[in-house]
């Protein structure tokens, strides 16, 4: 059995559906979703070893046991924004707050589903900055927001990651509509958003992560 940290952001919807399918098809219920929370909460639970594995914020993943799976975007991500105005960091975030500091972008950082909804409602506004896009402009690299890491049960986690990354994950319309309705979104908007989220860490992604952690250490 693996105690898995669960973040309910829409960017992990394909992985959550994949896990459900694995559980349904498995005779041995090896994985359970035990701990739910926003990224900063999951990071703390992982550090205290209250959970066995989770997608933890990149800034917290250094020297952790991780697989080549994460949450990343090559350009605009639409769910990590800095709104013009007073400097305010998002309590749900660890990585994005550091990214805003590193890029020296002042404003109110918002992440996750609330940021996506803001973008969809204000896409023609110049009142915000997409932090992932800004990183891309300055480095010509993708940005890795989180990594799938584990405290134990590494063999199982590696197997899951390899299988998930081996082929494109198709989301049934039922799940897409259900998830969109729960967040007050249009299913077409959700489908569009997920096309901008990637999960596999290859050479460029690892290079980008290394650069981010190096620059983060300097500040």
N, C-alpha and C. Protein backbone atom coordinates (compact mmCIF):
# COMPACT_ATOMS: atom_id res chain seq x y z
N UNK A 1 0.84 -1.19 0.00
CA UNK A 1 0.00 0.00 0.00
C UNK A 1 0.88 1.25 0.00
N UNK A 2 0.48 2.23 -0.79
CA UNK A 2 1.20 3.49 -0.87
C UNK A 2 0.28 4.62 -0.42
N UNK A 3 0.72 5.42 0.51
CA UNK A 3 -0.04 6.60 0.93
C UNK A 3 0.37 7.74 0.01
N UNK A 4 -0.57 8.19 -0.80
CA UNK A 4 -0.26 9.13 -1.87
C UNK A 4 -0.86 10.50 -1.56
N UNK A 5 -0.07 11.54 -1.72
CA UNK A 5 -0.55 12.90 -1.57
C UNK A 5 -1.33 13.32 -2.79
N UNK A 6 -2.46 13.94 -2.62
CA UNK A 6 -3.32 14.31 -3.74
C UNK A 6 -3.56 15.81 -3.79
N UNK A 7 -3.21 16.42 -4.92
CA UNK A 7 -3.49 17.83 -5.17
C UNK A 7 -4.64 17.88 -6.17
N UNK A 8 -5.69 18.58 -5.83
CA UNK A 8 -6.91 18.54 -6.66
C UNK A 8 -6.91 19.56 -7.78
N UNK A 9 -5.77 20.13 -8.13
CA UNK A 9 -5.72 21.06 -9.25
C UNK A 9 -6.00 20.32 -10.57
N UNK A 10 -6.57 21.04 -11.51
CA UNK A 10 -6.94 20.43 -12.78
C UNK A 10 -5.74 19.96 -13.60
N UNK A 11 -4.57 20.54 -13.34
CA UNK A 11 -3.40 20.12 -14.12
C UNK A 11 -2.99 18.67 -13.85
N UNK A 12 -3.52 18.08 -12.78
CA UNK A 12 -3.22 16.68 -12.49
C UNK A 12 -4.39 15.76 -12.81
N UNK A 13 -5.42 16.28 -13.47
CA UNK A 13 -6.58 15.46 -13.81
C UNK A 13 -6.21 14.20 -14.60
N UNK A 14 -5.37 14.29 -15.64
CA UNK A 14 -5.01 13.07 -16.37
C UNK A 14 -4.36 12.01 -15.48
N UNK A 15 -3.52 12.45 -14.54
CA UNK A 15 -2.87 11.48 -13.64
C UNK A 15 -3.87 10.87 -12.67
N UNK A 16 -4.78 11.68 -12.14
CA UNK A 16 -5.78 11.16 -11.22
C UNK A 16 -6.67 10.12 -11.89
N UNK A 17 -7.05 10.38 -13.14
CA UNK A 17 -7.87 9.42 -13.88
C UNK A 17 -7.09 8.15 -14.15
N UNK A 18 -5.82 8.30 -14.47
CA UNK A 18 -4.95 7.15 -14.71
C UNK A 18 -4.88 6.27 -13.46
N UNK A 19 -4.71 6.89 -12.30
CA UNK A 19 -4.63 6.15 -11.04
C UNK A 19 -5.94 5.39 -10.78
N UNK A 20 -7.07 6.05 -11.04
CA UNK A 20 -8.36 5.39 -10.84
C UNK A 20 -8.49 4.15 -11.71
N UNK A 21 -8.04 4.26 -12.94
CA UNK A 21 -8.08 3.12 -13.85
C UNK A 21 -7.18 1.99 -13.36
N UNK A 22 -6.01 2.37 -12.85
CA UNK A 22 -5.08 1.37 -12.34
C UNK A 22 -5.67 0.63 -11.15
N UNK A 23 -6.33 1.37 -10.27
CA UNK A 23 -6.96 0.76 -9.10
C UNK A 23 -8.09 -0.18 -9.52
N UNK A 24 -8.85 0.26 -10.49
CA UNK A 24 -9.98 -0.53 -10.95
C UNK A 24 -9.53 -1.83 -11.60
N UNK A 25 -8.43 -1.75 -12.33
CA UNK A 25 -7.94 -2.92 -13.06
C UNK A 25 -7.02 -3.81 -12.22
N UNK A 26 -6.66 -3.32 -11.04
CA UNK A 26 -5.73 -4.07 -10.20
C UNK A 26 -6.47 -4.93 -9.19
N UNK A 27 -6.06 -6.16 -9.08
CA UNK A 27 -6.64 -7.04 -8.07
C UNK A 27 -6.13 -6.69 -6.68
N UNK A 28 -4.94 -6.17 -6.63
CA UNK A 28 -4.36 -5.74 -5.36
C UNK A 28 -4.40 -4.22 -5.29
N UNK A 29 -5.14 -3.69 -4.34
CA UNK A 29 -5.26 -2.24 -4.21
C UNK A 29 -3.97 -1.66 -3.62
N UNK A 30 -2.99 -1.46 -4.48
CA UNK A 30 -1.67 -1.06 -4.02
C UNK A 30 -1.60 0.43 -3.66
N UNK A 31 -2.46 1.25 -4.28
CA UNK A 31 -2.34 2.69 -4.08
C UNK A 31 -3.64 3.26 -3.57
N UNK A 32 -3.56 4.12 -2.58
CA UNK A 32 -4.74 4.83 -2.12
C UNK A 32 -4.43 6.32 -2.04
N UNK A 33 -5.42 7.12 -2.29
CA UNK A 33 -5.26 8.55 -2.08
C UNK A 33 -5.59 8.85 -0.64
N UNK A 34 -4.63 9.33 0.07
CA UNK A 34 -4.80 9.48 1.52
C UNK A 34 -4.82 10.93 1.97
N UNK A 35 -3.88 11.69 1.47
CA UNK A 35 -3.71 13.06 1.94
C UNK A 35 -4.04 14.04 0.83
N UNK A 36 -5.04 14.88 1.07
CA UNK A 36 -5.42 15.90 0.09
C UNK A 36 -4.97 17.27 0.58
N UNK A 37 -4.61 18.13 -0.35
CA UNK A 37 -4.21 19.47 0.05
C UNK A 37 -3.66 20.26 -1.12
N UNK A 38 -3.37 21.52 -0.89
CA UNK A 38 -2.73 22.37 -1.90
C UNK A 38 -1.23 22.06 -1.87
N UNK A 39 -0.48 22.48 -2.90
CA UNK A 39 0.94 22.12 -2.97
C UNK A 39 1.74 22.37 -1.70
N UNK A 40 1.60 23.54 -1.08
CA UNK A 40 2.39 23.84 0.12
C UNK A 40 2.07 22.87 1.26
N UNK A 41 0.81 22.44 1.38
CA UNK A 41 0.43 21.48 2.42
C UNK A 41 1.01 20.10 2.13
N UNK A 42 0.95 19.71 0.87
CA UNK A 42 1.50 18.41 0.47
C UNK A 42 3.01 18.39 0.68
N UNK A 43 3.67 19.50 0.41
CA UNK A 43 5.12 19.59 0.63
C UNK A 43 5.47 19.34 2.10
N UNK A 44 4.70 19.94 3.00
CA UNK A 44 4.96 19.77 4.43
C UNK A 44 4.69 18.34 4.87
N UNK A 45 3.61 17.76 4.37
CA UNK A 45 3.27 16.38 4.73
C UNK A 45 4.33 15.41 4.22
N UNK A 46 4.86 15.69 3.04
CA UNK A 46 5.90 14.84 2.47
C UNK A 46 7.18 14.93 3.30
N UNK A 47 7.53 16.15 3.69
CA UNK A 47 8.74 16.36 4.49
C UNK A 47 8.65 15.63 5.82
N UNK A 48 7.44 15.61 6.41
CA UNK A 48 7.23 14.93 7.69
C UNK A 48 7.01 13.43 7.52
N UNK A 49 7.06 12.98 6.26
CA UNK A 49 6.90 11.56 5.91
C UNK A 49 5.52 11.03 6.30
N UNK A 50 4.53 11.91 6.24
CA UNK A 50 3.15 11.49 6.49
C UNK A 50 2.54 10.87 5.23
N UNK A 51 3.18 11.10 4.11
CA UNK A 51 2.77 10.49 2.85
C UNK A 51 3.98 9.83 2.20
N UNK A 52 3.72 8.81 1.43
CA UNK A 52 4.81 8.05 0.81
C UNK A 52 5.29 8.68 -0.49
N UNK A 53 4.36 9.26 -1.25
CA UNK A 53 4.71 9.82 -2.55
C UNK A 53 3.74 10.92 -2.92
N UNK A 54 4.22 11.86 -3.75
CA UNK A 54 3.36 12.97 -4.18
C UNK A 54 4.10 13.80 -5.22
N UNK A 55 3.33 14.60 -5.94
CA UNK A 55 3.92 15.64 -6.78
C UNK A 55 4.24 16.80 -5.85
N UNK A 56 5.49 16.96 -5.53
CA UNK A 56 5.87 18.05 -4.63
C UNK A 56 6.50 19.18 -5.44
N UNK A 57 6.43 20.39 -4.89
CA UNK A 57 6.94 21.57 -5.58
C UNK A 57 8.41 21.41 -5.93
N UNK A 58 8.79 21.84 -7.12
CA UNK A 58 10.17 21.69 -7.58
C UNK A 58 11.18 22.26 -6.60
N UNK A 59 10.84 23.40 -6.01
CA UNK A 59 11.78 24.06 -5.10
C UNK A 59 12.04 23.21 -3.86
N UNK A 60 11.15 22.29 -3.55
CA UNK A 60 11.29 21.40 -2.39
C UNK A 60 11.82 20.02 -2.77
N UNK A 61 12.09 19.81 -4.05
CA UNK A 61 12.43 18.47 -4.52
C UNK A 61 13.93 18.17 -4.56
N UNK A 62 14.74 19.17 -4.31
CA UNK A 62 16.19 18.96 -4.38
C UNK A 62 16.62 17.91 -3.37
N UNK A 63 17.44 16.98 -3.84
CA UNK A 63 17.98 15.88 -3.02
C UNK A 63 16.93 14.88 -2.56
N UNK A 64 15.72 14.96 -3.14
CA UNK A 64 14.68 13.98 -2.84
C UNK A 64 14.75 12.85 -3.87
N UNK A 65 14.16 11.73 -3.56
CA UNK A 65 14.07 10.62 -4.51
C UNK A 65 12.88 10.87 -5.42
N UNK A 66 13.17 11.13 -6.69
CA UNK A 66 12.11 11.49 -7.64
C UNK A 66 12.24 10.70 -8.93
N UNK A 67 11.14 10.57 -9.63
CA UNK A 67 11.14 9.94 -10.95
C UNK A 67 11.06 11.04 -12.01
N UNK A 68 11.17 10.63 -13.27
CA UNK A 68 11.17 11.62 -14.36
C UNK A 68 9.75 11.98 -14.79
N UNK A 69 8.96 12.36 -13.79
CA UNK A 69 7.58 12.76 -14.04
C UNK A 69 7.30 14.00 -13.20
N UNK A 70 6.60 14.95 -13.77
CA UNK A 70 6.32 16.17 -13.03
C UNK A 70 5.17 16.93 -13.65
N UNK A 71 5.05 18.19 -13.28
CA UNK A 71 4.07 19.10 -13.88
C UNK A 71 4.87 20.23 -14.51
N UNK A 72 4.77 20.39 -15.82
CA UNK A 72 5.61 21.36 -16.50
C UNK A 72 4.91 21.98 -17.70
N UNK A 73 5.44 23.07 -18.16
CA UNK A 73 4.90 23.76 -19.33
C UNK A 73 6.04 24.35 -20.13
N UNK A 74 5.92 24.30 -21.43
CA UNK A 74 6.93 24.88 -22.32
C UNK A 74 6.36 26.16 -22.91
N UNK A 75 6.40 27.21 -22.11
CA UNK A 75 5.77 28.47 -22.49
C UNK A 75 4.66 28.79 -21.52
N UNK A 76 3.62 29.45 -21.99
CA UNK A 76 2.51 29.84 -21.12
C UNK A 76 1.84 28.62 -20.49
N UNK A 77 1.52 28.74 -19.20
CA UNK A 77 0.84 27.65 -18.49
C UNK A 77 -0.58 28.04 -18.13
N UNK A 78 -0.87 29.34 -18.07
CA UNK A 78 -2.21 29.90 -17.85
C UNK A 78 -2.76 29.69 -16.44
N UNK A 79 -2.02 29.02 -15.59
CA UNK A 79 -2.50 28.79 -14.22
C UNK A 79 -1.48 29.18 -13.16
N UNK A 80 -0.48 29.94 -13.57
CA UNK A 80 0.48 30.52 -12.63
C UNK A 80 0.71 31.96 -13.09
N UNK A 81 0.04 32.87 -12.41
CA UNK A 81 0.03 34.26 -12.85
C UNK A 81 0.52 35.21 -11.75
N UNK A 82 0.96 36.36 -12.17
CA UNK A 82 1.26 37.46 -11.26
C UNK A 82 0.42 38.64 -11.69
N UNK A 83 -0.51 39.08 -10.83
CA UNK A 83 -1.39 40.20 -11.15
C UNK A 83 -0.71 41.51 -10.74
N UNK A 84 -0.81 42.50 -11.57
CA UNK A 84 -0.18 43.79 -11.28
C UNK A 84 -0.70 44.37 -9.98
N UNK A 85 0.21 44.93 -9.20
CA UNK A 85 -0.18 45.53 -7.94
C UNK A 85 0.81 45.24 -6.85
N UNK A 86 0.34 45.25 -5.63
CA UNK A 86 1.19 45.03 -4.47
C UNK A 86 1.74 43.60 -4.45
N UNK A 87 2.97 43.46 -3.96
CA UNK A 87 3.60 42.14 -3.88
C UNK A 87 2.89 41.28 -2.83
N UNK A 88 2.25 40.21 -3.29
CA UNK A 88 1.57 39.26 -2.41
C UNK A 88 1.85 37.86 -2.94
N UNK A 89 2.29 36.98 -2.07
CA UNK A 89 2.56 35.62 -2.50
C UNK A 89 1.38 34.71 -2.18
N UNK A 90 1.25 33.64 -2.95
CA UNK A 90 0.14 32.70 -2.79
C UNK A 90 0.51 31.67 -1.72
N UNK A 91 -0.30 31.57 -0.68
CA UNK A 91 -0.02 30.65 0.42
C UNK A 91 -0.08 29.18 -0.02
N UNK A 92 -0.70 28.92 -1.16
CA UNK A 92 -0.80 27.54 -1.66
C UNK A 92 0.48 27.12 -2.37
N UNK A 93 1.33 28.08 -2.66
CA UNK A 93 2.49 27.83 -3.52
C UNK A 93 3.81 27.85 -2.76
N UNK A 94 4.78 27.15 -3.31
CA UNK A 94 6.17 27.28 -2.89
C UNK A 94 7.02 27.65 -4.11
N UNK A 95 6.94 26.85 -5.16
CA UNK A 95 7.74 27.08 -6.35
C UNK A 95 7.41 28.40 -7.05
N UNK A 96 6.13 28.67 -7.26
CA UNK A 96 5.74 29.86 -8.03
C UNK A 96 6.11 31.15 -7.33
N UNK A 97 6.05 31.16 -6.01
CA UNK A 97 6.47 32.34 -5.27
C UNK A 97 7.96 32.63 -5.50
N UNK A 98 8.76 31.57 -5.47
CA UNK A 98 10.20 31.73 -5.71
C UNK A 98 10.45 32.17 -7.15
N UNK A 99 9.67 31.61 -8.09
CA UNK A 99 9.84 31.97 -9.50
C UNK A 99 9.57 33.47 -9.70
N UNK A 100 8.54 33.99 -9.05
CA UNK A 100 8.24 35.42 -9.16
C UNK A 100 9.40 36.26 -8.62
N UNK A 101 9.98 35.84 -7.50
CA UNK A 101 11.14 36.55 -6.93
C UNK A 101 12.31 36.51 -7.89
N UNK A 102 12.55 35.32 -8.41
CA UNK A 102 13.70 35.11 -9.30
C UNK A 102 13.58 35.97 -10.56
N UNK A 103 12.36 36.07 -11.09
CA UNK A 103 12.13 36.87 -12.28
C UNK A 103 12.00 38.36 -11.97
N UNK A 104 11.97 38.67 -10.67
CA UNK A 104 11.81 40.05 -10.20
C UNK A 104 10.52 40.68 -10.73
N UNK A 105 9.46 39.89 -10.67
CA UNK A 105 8.15 40.36 -11.10
C UNK A 105 7.31 40.66 -9.86
N UNK A 106 6.95 41.91 -9.72
CA UNK A 106 6.17 42.34 -8.55
C UNK A 106 4.67 42.18 -8.85
N UNK A 107 3.92 41.77 -7.85
CA UNK A 107 2.48 41.63 -8.01
C UNK A 107 1.93 40.55 -7.11
N UNK A 108 0.68 40.21 -7.33
CA UNK A 108 0.01 39.18 -6.54
C UNK A 108 0.09 37.86 -7.28
N UNK A 109 0.79 36.90 -6.70
CA UNK A 109 0.93 35.59 -7.32
C UNK A 109 -0.33 34.76 -7.03
N UNK A 110 -0.90 34.19 -8.08
CA UNK A 110 -2.01 33.25 -7.91
C UNK A 110 -1.72 32.01 -8.76
N UNK A 111 -2.05 30.85 -8.22
CA UNK A 111 -1.77 29.60 -8.92
C UNK A 111 -3.00 28.71 -8.94
N UNK A 112 -2.90 27.65 -9.74
CA UNK A 112 -3.92 26.61 -9.74
C UNK A 112 -5.19 27.01 -10.47
N UNK A 113 -6.29 26.40 -10.05
CA UNK A 113 -7.56 26.57 -10.75
C UNK A 113 -8.08 28.01 -10.69
N UNK A 114 -7.83 28.68 -9.59
CA UNK A 114 -8.30 30.08 -9.49
C UNK A 114 -7.56 30.97 -10.48
N UNK A 115 -6.28 30.65 -10.72
CA UNK A 115 -5.51 31.42 -11.71
C UNK A 115 -6.01 31.13 -13.12
N UNK A 116 -6.33 29.88 -13.40
CA UNK A 116 -6.86 29.52 -14.71
C UNK A 116 -8.18 30.24 -14.96
N UNK A 117 -9.06 30.26 -13.97
CA UNK A 117 -10.35 30.94 -14.12
C UNK A 117 -10.14 32.43 -14.35
N UNK A 118 -9.17 33.00 -13.64
CA UNK A 118 -8.87 34.43 -13.82
C UNK A 118 -8.44 34.67 -15.27
N UNK A 119 -7.54 33.83 -15.77
CA UNK A 119 -7.06 34.00 -17.14
C UNK A 119 -8.21 33.91 -18.14
N UNK A 120 -9.06 32.89 -17.99
CA UNK A 120 -10.15 32.70 -18.93
C UNK A 120 -11.13 33.88 -18.94
N UNK A 121 -11.25 34.53 -17.80
CA UNK A 121 -12.17 35.67 -17.68
C UNK A 121 -11.51 36.99 -18.07
N UNK A 122 -10.17 37.00 -18.11
CA UNK A 122 -9.45 38.27 -18.36
C UNK A 122 -8.35 38.10 -19.40
N UNK A 123 -8.53 37.20 -20.35
CA UNK A 123 -7.46 36.87 -21.28
C UNK A 123 -7.02 38.06 -22.14
N UNK A 124 -7.89 39.02 -22.34
CA UNK A 124 -7.52 40.18 -23.16
C UNK A 124 -6.94 41.34 -22.34
N UNK A 125 -6.80 41.10 -21.04
CA UNK A 125 -6.28 42.15 -20.17
C UNK A 125 -4.75 42.14 -20.16
N UNK A 126 -4.16 43.27 -19.84
CA UNK A 126 -2.71 43.34 -19.67
C UNK A 126 -2.36 43.50 -18.19
N UNK A 127 -3.29 43.03 -17.34
CA UNK A 127 -3.15 43.21 -15.90
C UNK A 127 -2.38 42.08 -15.23
N UNK A 128 -1.88 41.14 -16.02
CA UNK A 128 -1.21 39.99 -15.41
C UNK A 128 -0.03 39.53 -16.26
N UNK A 129 0.81 38.74 -15.63
CA UNK A 129 1.97 38.15 -16.30
C UNK A 129 1.93 36.65 -16.07
N UNK A 130 2.09 35.87 -17.12
CA UNK A 130 2.18 34.42 -17.01
C UNK A 130 3.64 34.09 -16.67
N UNK A 131 3.88 33.59 -15.47
CA UNK A 131 5.26 33.40 -15.00
C UNK A 131 6.00 32.34 -15.81
N UNK A 132 5.31 31.32 -16.25
CA UNK A 132 5.96 30.29 -17.05
C UNK A 132 6.38 30.84 -18.41
N UNK A 133 5.54 31.67 -18.99
CA UNK A 133 5.88 32.28 -20.28
C UNK A 133 7.07 33.22 -20.13
N UNK A 134 7.10 33.97 -19.03
CA UNK A 134 8.21 34.88 -18.79
C UNK A 134 9.53 34.12 -18.61
N UNK A 135 9.47 33.00 -17.93
CA UNK A 135 10.65 32.14 -17.77
C UNK A 135 11.13 31.66 -19.15
N UNK A 136 10.19 31.24 -19.99
CA UNK A 136 10.51 30.76 -21.34
C UNK A 136 11.19 31.85 -22.15
N UNK A 137 10.69 33.08 -22.05
CA UNK A 137 11.26 34.21 -22.80
C UNK A 137 12.70 34.46 -22.39
N UNK A 138 13.00 34.30 -21.12
CA UNK A 138 14.34 34.64 -20.61
C UNK A 138 15.34 33.51 -20.73
N UNK A 139 14.87 32.27 -20.73
CA UNK A 139 15.79 31.12 -20.73
C UNK A 139 15.67 30.24 -21.96
N UNK A 140 14.57 30.38 -22.70
CA UNK A 140 14.25 29.50 -23.83
C UNK A 140 14.14 28.04 -23.38
N UNK A 141 13.67 27.87 -22.15
CA UNK A 141 13.50 26.53 -21.59
C UNK A 141 12.10 26.37 -21.01
N UNK A 142 11.63 25.14 -20.91
CA UNK A 142 10.35 24.91 -20.23
C UNK A 142 10.52 25.15 -18.74
N UNK A 143 9.42 25.13 -18.00
CA UNK A 143 9.51 25.29 -16.55
C UNK A 143 8.85 24.10 -15.86
N UNK A 144 9.54 23.57 -14.86
CA UNK A 144 9.05 22.42 -14.10
C UNK A 144 8.51 22.91 -12.77
N UNK A 145 7.21 22.79 -12.58
CA UNK A 145 6.57 23.28 -11.36
C UNK A 145 6.61 22.26 -10.23
N UNK A 146 6.56 20.99 -10.57
CA UNK A 146 6.52 19.96 -9.53
C UNK A 146 7.13 18.67 -10.06
N UNK A 147 7.52 17.80 -9.13
CA UNK A 147 8.09 16.49 -9.49
C UNK A 147 7.43 15.41 -8.66
N UNK A 148 7.28 14.25 -9.25
CA UNK A 148 6.75 13.11 -8.52
C UNK A 148 7.89 12.48 -7.72
N UNK A 149 7.82 12.61 -6.41
CA UNK A 149 8.87 12.13 -5.51
C UNK A 149 8.30 11.12 -4.53
N UNK A 150 9.18 10.38 -3.89
CA UNK A 150 8.70 9.34 -2.97
C UNK A 150 9.62 9.21 -1.76
N UNK A 151 9.03 8.85 -0.65
CA UNK A 151 9.78 8.52 0.57
C UNK A 151 10.05 7.03 0.65
N UNK A 152 9.11 6.23 0.16
CA UNK A 152 9.27 4.78 0.12
C UNK A 152 8.38 4.23 -0.98
N UNK A 153 8.39 2.89 -1.13
CA UNK A 153 7.65 2.25 -2.22
C UNK A 153 8.11 2.76 -3.59
N UNK A 154 9.41 2.97 -3.71
CA UNK A 154 9.96 3.50 -4.94
C UNK A 154 9.71 2.62 -6.15
N UNK A 155 9.75 1.34 -5.97
CA UNK A 155 9.55 0.40 -7.09
C UNK A 155 8.16 0.59 -7.69
N UNK A 156 7.16 0.73 -6.82
CA UNK A 156 5.79 0.93 -7.29
C UNK A 156 5.64 2.27 -7.99
N UNK A 157 6.21 3.33 -7.40
CA UNK A 157 6.11 4.67 -7.98
C UNK A 157 6.78 4.73 -9.35
N UNK A 158 7.94 4.10 -9.47
CA UNK A 158 8.64 4.08 -10.75
C UNK A 158 7.83 3.36 -11.82
N UNK A 159 7.18 2.29 -11.41
CA UNK A 159 6.35 1.51 -12.34
C UNK A 159 5.17 2.35 -12.82
N UNK A 160 4.53 3.06 -11.89
CA UNK A 160 3.39 3.91 -12.23
C UNK A 160 3.83 5.02 -13.19
N UNK A 161 4.95 5.69 -12.85
CA UNK A 161 5.44 6.80 -13.66
C UNK A 161 5.77 6.34 -15.08
N UNK A 162 6.42 5.21 -15.18
CA UNK A 162 6.81 4.69 -16.50
C UNK A 162 5.58 4.39 -17.35
N UNK A 163 4.58 3.78 -16.73
CA UNK A 163 3.36 3.42 -17.46
C UNK A 163 2.59 4.67 -17.87
N UNK A 164 2.49 5.66 -16.97
CA UNK A 164 1.78 6.90 -17.27
C UNK A 164 2.44 7.65 -18.41
N UNK A 165 3.77 7.68 -18.41
CA UNK A 165 4.51 8.45 -19.42
C UNK A 165 4.65 7.72 -20.75
N UNK A 166 4.30 6.44 -20.78
CA UNK A 166 4.54 5.63 -21.97
C UNK A 166 3.61 5.97 -23.14
N UNK A 167 2.46 6.58 -22.84
CA UNK A 167 1.54 6.93 -23.92
C UNK A 167 0.66 8.11 -23.50
N UNK A 168 0.10 8.78 -24.49
CA UNK A 168 -0.77 9.92 -24.21
C UNK A 168 -2.02 9.46 -23.46
N UNK A 169 -2.40 10.24 -22.48
CA UNK A 169 -3.56 9.90 -21.65
C UNK A 169 -4.82 10.58 -22.20
N UNK A 170 -5.78 9.78 -22.59
CA UNK A 170 -7.04 10.30 -23.09
C UNK A 170 -8.04 10.41 -21.95
N UNK A 171 -8.68 11.55 -21.85
CA UNK A 171 -9.64 11.79 -20.78
C UNK A 171 -11.06 11.58 -21.32
N UNK A 172 -11.79 10.62 -20.80
CA UNK A 172 -13.17 10.42 -21.23
C UNK A 172 -14.00 11.67 -21.01
N UNK A 173 -14.94 11.93 -21.93
CA UNK A 173 -15.78 13.12 -21.84
C UNK A 173 -16.52 13.22 -20.51
N UNK A 174 -16.88 12.08 -19.95
CA UNK A 174 -17.59 12.08 -18.66
C UNK A 174 -16.75 12.76 -17.59
N UNK A 175 -15.48 12.37 -17.49
CA UNK A 175 -14.58 12.94 -16.48
C UNK A 175 -14.30 14.41 -16.77
N UNK A 176 -14.14 14.73 -18.06
CA UNK A 176 -13.84 16.10 -18.45
C UNK A 176 -14.99 17.03 -18.06
N UNK A 177 -16.21 16.61 -18.36
CA UNK A 177 -17.39 17.42 -18.04
C UNK A 177 -17.59 17.54 -16.53
N UNK A 178 -17.36 16.44 -15.84
CA UNK A 178 -17.54 16.43 -14.38
C UNK A 178 -16.53 17.37 -13.71
N UNK A 179 -15.27 17.28 -14.12
CA UNK A 179 -14.22 18.11 -13.53
C UNK A 179 -14.46 19.58 -13.86
N UNK A 180 -14.85 19.87 -15.09
CA UNK A 180 -15.10 21.25 -15.50
C UNK A 180 -16.27 21.84 -14.72
N UNK A 181 -17.33 21.07 -14.56
CA UNK A 181 -18.51 21.54 -13.84
C UNK A 181 -18.17 21.83 -12.38
N UNK A 182 -17.35 20.98 -11.79
CA UNK A 182 -16.97 21.16 -10.38
C UNK A 182 -16.19 22.45 -10.16
N UNK A 183 -15.48 22.89 -11.19
CA UNK A 183 -14.66 24.10 -11.09
C UNK A 183 -15.32 25.31 -11.74
N UNK A 184 -16.53 25.12 -12.27
CA UNK A 184 -17.23 26.23 -12.91
C UNK A 184 -16.61 26.62 -14.24
N UNK A 185 -16.11 25.62 -14.98
CA UNK A 185 -15.47 25.89 -16.27
C UNK A 185 -16.22 25.21 -17.41
N UNK A 186 -15.90 25.64 -18.62
CA UNK A 186 -16.41 24.99 -19.82
C UNK A 186 -15.49 23.81 -20.15
N UNK A 187 -16.05 22.63 -20.45
CA UNK A 187 -15.21 21.47 -20.79
C UNK A 187 -14.21 21.75 -21.91
N UNK A 188 -14.61 22.58 -22.89
CA UNK A 188 -13.70 22.91 -23.98
C UNK A 188 -12.50 23.71 -23.48
N UNK A 189 -12.76 24.60 -22.52
CA UNK A 189 -11.66 25.39 -21.93
C UNK A 189 -10.71 24.49 -21.16
N UNK A 190 -11.27 23.53 -20.46
CA UNK A 190 -10.43 22.60 -19.69
C UNK A 190 -9.59 21.74 -20.62
N UNK A 191 -10.20 21.24 -21.68
CA UNK A 191 -9.47 20.44 -22.66
C UNK A 191 -8.34 21.25 -23.29
N UNK A 192 -8.62 22.51 -23.62
CA UNK A 192 -7.61 23.41 -24.18
C UNK A 192 -6.46 23.62 -23.20
N UNK A 193 -6.78 23.85 -21.94
CA UNK A 193 -5.77 24.08 -20.91
C UNK A 193 -4.83 22.89 -20.77
N UNK A 194 -5.40 21.70 -20.72
CA UNK A 194 -4.58 20.51 -20.49
C UNK A 194 -3.61 20.22 -21.63
N UNK A 195 -3.86 20.80 -22.80
CA UNK A 195 -2.93 20.62 -23.92
C UNK A 195 -1.62 21.37 -23.67
N UNK A 196 -1.64 22.29 -22.71
CA UNK A 196 -0.44 23.07 -22.41
C UNK A 196 0.34 22.51 -21.20
N UNK A 197 -0.16 21.44 -20.63
CA UNK A 197 0.50 20.81 -19.49
C UNK A 197 1.22 19.55 -19.95
N UNK A 198 2.49 19.44 -19.59
CA UNK A 198 3.27 18.25 -19.91
C UNK A 198 3.71 17.58 -18.60
N UNK A 199 4.15 16.35 -18.70
CA UNK A 199 4.46 15.59 -17.49
C UNK A 199 5.83 14.91 -17.50
N UNK A 200 6.37 14.63 -18.65
CA UNK A 200 7.62 13.86 -18.72
C UNK A 200 8.84 14.78 -18.71
N UNK A 201 9.79 14.47 -17.84
CA UNK A 201 11.03 15.23 -17.76
C UNK A 201 12.08 14.57 -18.65
N UNK A 202 12.42 15.27 -19.73
CA UNK A 202 13.49 14.83 -20.61
C UNK A 202 14.69 15.75 -20.40
N UNK A 203 15.61 15.76 -21.36
CA UNK A 203 16.85 16.52 -21.19
C UNK A 203 16.61 18.01 -20.93
N UNK A 204 15.77 18.65 -21.77
CA UNK A 204 15.53 20.09 -21.62
C UNK A 204 14.86 20.43 -20.30
N UNK A 205 13.93 19.59 -19.89
CA UNK A 205 13.22 19.82 -18.63
C UNK A 205 14.17 19.69 -17.44
N UNK A 206 15.05 18.72 -17.49
CA UNK A 206 16.02 18.53 -16.40
C UNK A 206 17.03 19.69 -16.37
N UNK A 207 17.40 20.16 -17.55
CA UNK A 207 18.29 21.32 -17.63
C UNK A 207 17.62 22.55 -17.04
N UNK A 208 16.33 22.73 -17.35
CA UNK A 208 15.57 23.86 -16.83
C UNK A 208 15.44 23.79 -15.31
N UNK A 209 15.17 22.60 -14.82
CA UNK A 209 15.02 22.41 -13.37
C UNK A 209 16.33 22.72 -12.65
N UNK A 210 17.43 22.24 -13.20
CA UNK A 210 18.74 22.50 -12.61
C UNK A 210 19.04 23.99 -12.58
N UNK A 211 18.70 24.69 -13.66
CA UNK A 211 18.93 26.13 -13.72
C UNK A 211 18.07 26.86 -12.69
N UNK A 212 16.80 26.48 -12.58
CA UNK A 212 15.90 27.11 -11.62
C UNK A 212 16.41 26.94 -10.20
N UNK A 213 16.80 25.73 -9.84
CA UNK A 213 17.28 25.47 -8.48
C UNK A 213 18.57 26.23 -8.19
N UNK A 214 19.42 26.36 -9.21
CA UNK A 214 20.67 27.12 -9.05
C UNK A 214 20.38 28.59 -8.81
N UNK A 215 19.48 29.16 -9.63
CA UNK A 215 19.15 30.57 -9.49
C UNK A 215 18.39 30.83 -8.19
N UNK A 216 17.53 29.88 -7.80
CA UNK A 216 16.77 30.03 -6.56
C UNK A 216 17.69 30.07 -5.35
N UNK A 217 18.74 29.29 -5.40
CA UNK A 217 19.71 29.27 -4.30
C UNK A 217 20.40 30.61 -4.16
N UNK A 218 20.61 31.29 -5.26
CA UNK A 218 21.30 32.58 -5.25
C UNK A 218 20.48 33.69 -4.62
N UNK A 219 19.14 33.51 -4.63
CA UNK A 219 18.31 34.56 -4.04
C UNK A 219 17.81 34.17 -2.65
